[in-house]
């Protein structure tokens, strides 16, 4: 499943607890991120520098669906982070940028990562 029928969400998390209380939930959070990737929702994820939260760029059909997905994040479940959510409707081809072709491509969506950008 590609991203073409979904919008992109930039989800910026802010830790609401000290790192000493956040880090024990990191393995479960990473497992959750891998689950989102297997489900074809993830464009990119990572921890902010410095480590005050993280950023997830993900695809979903609606803001409500994105909120439901984020509610299952162990950081959310355990009250370790709150999210700011920005919805992005990508520009159509060719105005959205060449790298987006990778993320919207069938090879990427299939998980083989074999798409080549010229």
C-alpha atoms as a PDB file:
ATOM      1  CA  UNK A   1       0.000   0.000   0.000  1.00  0.00           C
ATOM      2  CA  UNK A   2       1.469   3.347  -1.052  1.00  0.00           C
ATOM      3  CA  UNK A   3       0.963   6.762   0.491  1.00  0.00           C
ATOM      4  CA  UNK A   4      -0.944   8.204  -2.467  1.00  0.00           C
ATOM      5  CA  UNK A   5      -4.361   7.923  -0.787  1.00  0.00           C
ATOM      6  CA  UNK A   6      -3.183   9.279   2.582  1.00  0.00           C
ATOM      7  CA  UNK A   7      -1.961  12.534   4.018  1.00  0.00           C
ATOM      8  CA  UNK A   8       1.360  12.993   5.718  1.00  0.00           C
ATOM      9  CA  UNK A   9       1.566  13.948   9.388  1.00  0.00           C
ATOM     10  CA  UNK A  10       4.545  15.540  11.071  1.00  0.00           C
ATOM     11  CA  UNK A  11       4.264  14.457  14.703  1.00  0.00           C
ATOM     12  CA  UNK A  12       6.623  16.223  17.070  1.00  0.00           C
ATOM     13  CA  UNK A  13       6.820  14.776  20.553  1.00  0.00           C
ATOM     14  CA  UNK A  14       7.976  16.597  23.650  1.00  0.00           C
ATOM     15  CA  UNK A  15       9.036  14.543  26.646  1.00  0.00           C
ATOM     16  CA  UNK A  16       6.896  15.341  29.670  1.00  0.00           C
ATOM     17  CA  UNK A  17       9.106  13.441  32.115  1.00  0.00           C
ATOM     18  CA  UNK A  18      12.866  13.375  32.750  1.00  0.00           C
ATOM     19  CA  UNK A  19      14.912  11.098  30.478  1.00  0.00           C
ATOM     20  CA  UNK A  20      15.469   8.754  33.423  1.00  0.00           C
ATOM     21  CA  UNK A  21      11.713   8.049  33.343  1.00  0.00           C
ATOM     22  CA  UNK A  22      11.420   8.067  29.524  1.00  0.00           C
ATOM     23  CA  UNK A  23      14.319   5.739  28.684  1.00  0.00           C
ATOM     24  CA  UNK A  24      12.870   2.599  30.333  1.00  0.00           C
ATOM     25  CA  UNK A  25      10.036   2.790  27.777  1.00  0.00           C
ATOM     26  CA  UNK A  26      12.417   3.259  24.816  1.00  0.00           C
ATOM     27  CA  UNK A  27      12.577  -0.458  23.803  1.00  0.00           C
ATOM     28  CA  UNK A  28       8.756  -0.656  23.672  1.00  0.00           C
ATOM     29  CA  UNK A  29       8.637   2.640  21.747  1.00  0.00           C
ATOM     30  CA  UNK A  30      11.177   1.332  19.216  1.00  0.00           C
ATOM     31  CA  UNK A  31       9.126  -1.856  18.812  1.00  0.00           C
ATOM     32  CA  UNK A  32       6.057   0.339  18.244  1.00  0.00           C
ATOM     33  CA  UNK A  33       7.942   2.333  15.577  1.00  0.00           C
ATOM     34  CA  UNK A  34       8.911  -0.915  13.817  1.00  0.00           C
ATOM     35  CA  UNK A  35       5.259  -2.004  13.919  1.00  0.00           C
ATOM     36  CA  UNK A  36       4.218   1.284  12.284  1.00  0.00           C
ATOM     37  CA  UNK A  37       6.867   0.783   9.604  1.00  0.00           C
ATOM     38  CA  UNK A  38       5.666  -2.761   8.870  1.00  0.00           C
ATOM     39  CA  UNK A  39       2.135  -1.359   8.546  1.00  0.00           C
ATOM     40  CA  UNK A  40       3.403   1.050   5.861  1.00  0.00           C
ATOM     41  CA  UNK A  41       2.785   4.217   7.890  1.00  0.00           C
ATOM     42  CA  UNK A  42       6.325   5.506   8.454  1.00  0.00           C
ATOM     43  CA  UNK A  43       8.268   7.941   6.286  1.00  0.00           C
ATOM     44  CA  UNK A  44      10.973   8.744   8.857  1.00  0.00           C
ATOM     45  CA  UNK A  45      11.362   8.829  12.646  1.00  0.00           C
ATOM     46  CA  UNK A  46      14.053  10.002  15.019  1.00  0.00           C
ATOM     47  CA  UNK A  47      14.952  11.556  18.346  1.00  0.00           C
ATOM     48  CA  UNK A  48      15.381  15.310  18.488  1.00  0.00           C
ATOM     49  CA  UNK A  49      18.844  16.694  19.099  1.00  0.00           C
ATOM     50  CA  UNK A  50      19.180  17.386  21.962  1.00  0.00           C
ATOM     51  CA  UNK A  51      16.999  14.552  23.277  1.00  0.00           C
ATOM     52  CA  UNK A  52      13.909  16.487  24.343  1.00  0.00           C
ATOM     53  CA  UNK A  53      11.482  14.446  22.253  1.00  0.00           C
ATOM     54  CA  UNK A  54      11.206  12.979  18.802  1.00  0.00           C
ATOM     55  CA  UNK A  55       9.805  13.489  15.328  1.00  0.00           C
ATOM     56  CA  UNK A  56       7.739  11.000  13.365  1.00  0.00           C
ATOM     57  CA  UNK A  57       6.658  11.677   9.808  1.00  0.00           C
ATOM     58  CA  UNK A  58       3.884   9.217   9.089  1.00  0.00           C
ATOM     59  CA  UNK A  59       0.958   8.608   6.745  1.00  0.00           C
ATOM     60  CA  UNK A  60      -2.684   8.172   7.712  1.00  0.00           C
ATOM     61  CA  UNK A  61      -6.098   8.648   6.120  1.00  0.00           C
ATOM     62  CA  UNK A  62      -7.228  11.272   8.637  1.00  0.00           C
ATOM     63  CA  UNK A  63      -6.162  13.241  11.682  1.00  0.00           C
ATOM     64  CA  UNK A  64      -8.426  11.036  13.803  1.00  0.00           C
ATOM     65  CA  UNK A  65      -6.661   7.917  12.514  1.00  0.00           C
ATOM     66  CA  UNK A  66      -3.277   9.503  13.266  1.00  0.00           C
ATOM     67  CA  UNK A  67      -4.432  10.319  16.815  1.00  0.00           C
ATOM     68  CA  UNK A  68      -5.558   6.704  17.285  1.00  0.00           C
ATOM     69  CA  UNK A  69      -2.177   5.441  16.083  1.00  0.00           C
ATOM     70  CA  UNK A  70      -0.239   7.807  18.356  1.00  0.00           C
ATOM     71  CA  UNK A  71      -2.393   6.808  21.326  1.00  0.00           C
ATOM     72  CA  UNK A  72      -0.811   3.333  21.119  1.00  0.00           C
ATOM     73  CA  UNK A  73       2.756   4.696  21.397  1.00  0.00           C
ATOM     74  CA  UNK A  74       4.220   3.458  24.701  1.00  0.00           C
ATOM     75  CA  UNK A  75       5.515   6.969  25.379  1.00  0.00           C
ATOM     76  CA  UNK A  76       1.903   8.200  25.192  1.00  0.00           C
ATOM     77  CA  UNK A  77       0.509   5.225  27.114  1.00  0.00           C
ATOM     78  CA  UNK A  78       2.908   5.883  30.008  1.00  0.00           C
ATOM     79  CA  UNK A  79       2.547   9.674  29.964  1.00  0.00           C
ATOM     80  CA  UNK A  80       6.153  10.268  28.892  1.00  0.00           C
ATOM     81  CA  UNK A  81       5.439  12.484  25.887  1.00  0.00           C
ATOM     82  CA  UNK A  82       2.868  14.728  24.306  1.00  0.00           C
ATOM     83  CA  UNK A  83       2.546  15.349  20.556  1.00  0.00           C
ATOM     84  CA  UNK A  84       2.091  18.331  18.285  1.00  0.00           C
ATOM     85  CA  UNK A  85       0.556  17.116  15.032  1.00  0.00           C
ATOM     86  CA  UNK A  86       0.777  18.920  11.711  1.00  0.00           C
ATOM     87  CA  UNK A  87      -1.076  17.537   8.694  1.00  0.00           C
ATOM     88  CA  UNK A  88       0.518  17.937   5.297  1.00  0.00           C
ATOM     89  CA  UNK A  89      -1.216  17.316   1.991  1.00  0.00           C
ATOM     90  CA  UNK A  90       1.742  16.703  -0.336  1.00  0.00           C
ATOM     91  CA  UNK A  91       1.895  18.664  -3.559  1.00  0.00           C
ATOM     92  CA  UNK A  92       1.155  16.644  -6.693  1.00  0.00           C
ATOM     93  CA  UNK A  93       3.906  15.467  -9.022  1.00  0.00           C
ATOM     94  CA  UNK A  94       6.197  17.127 -10.053  1.00  0.00           C
ATOM     95  CA  UNK A  95       5.969  19.822  -7.382  1.00  0.00           C
ATOM     96  CA  UNK A  96       6.333  17.662  -4.277  1.00  0.00           C
ATOM     97  CA  UNK A  97      10.063  16.960  -4.638  1.00  0.00           C
ATOM     98  CA  UNK A  98      11.975  14.030  -6.078  1.00  0.00           C
ATOM     99  CA  UNK A  99      12.570  12.302  -2.746  1.00  0.00           C
ATOM    100  CA  UNK A 100       8.820  12.058  -2.191  1.00  0.00           C
ATOM    101  CA  UNK A 101       8.663   9.859  -5.301  1.00  0.00           C
ATOM    102  CA  UNK A 102      10.659   7.329  -3.298  1.00  0.00           C
ATOM    103  CA  UNK A 103       8.140   7.411  -0.449  1.00  0.00           C
ATOM    104  CA  UNK A 104       5.159   7.257  -2.791  1.00  0.00           C
ATOM    105  CA  UNK A 105       6.723   4.540  -4.959  1.00  0.00           C
ATOM    106  CA  UNK A 106       5.476   0.959  -5.071  1.00  0.00           C
ATOM    107  CA  UNK A 107       8.937  -0.485  -4.338  1.00  0.00           C
ATOM    108  CA  UNK A 108       9.225   1.506  -1.109  1.00  0.00           C
ATOM    109  CA  UNK A 109       5.685   0.619  -0.054  1.00  0.00           C
ATOM    110  CA  UNK A 110       6.459  -3.053  -0.719  1.00  0.00           C
ATOM    111  CA  UNK A 111       9.405  -2.756   1.662  1.00  0.00           C
ATOM    112  CA  UNK A 112      12.245  -3.690  -0.666  1.00  0.00           C
ATOM    113  CA  UNK A 113      13.808  -0.212  -0.715  1.00  0.00           C
ATOM    114  CA  UNK A 114      15.029  -0.760  -4.283  1.00  0.00           C
ATOM    115  CA  UNK A 115      13.717   2.457  -5.821  1.00  0.00           C
ATOM    116  CA  UNK A 116      16.344   4.538  -7.614  1.00  0.00           C
ATOM    117  CA  UNK A 117      16.037   8.332  -7.950  1.00  0.00           C
ATOM    118  CA  UNK A 118      17.721   9.921 -10.978  1.00  0.00           C
END
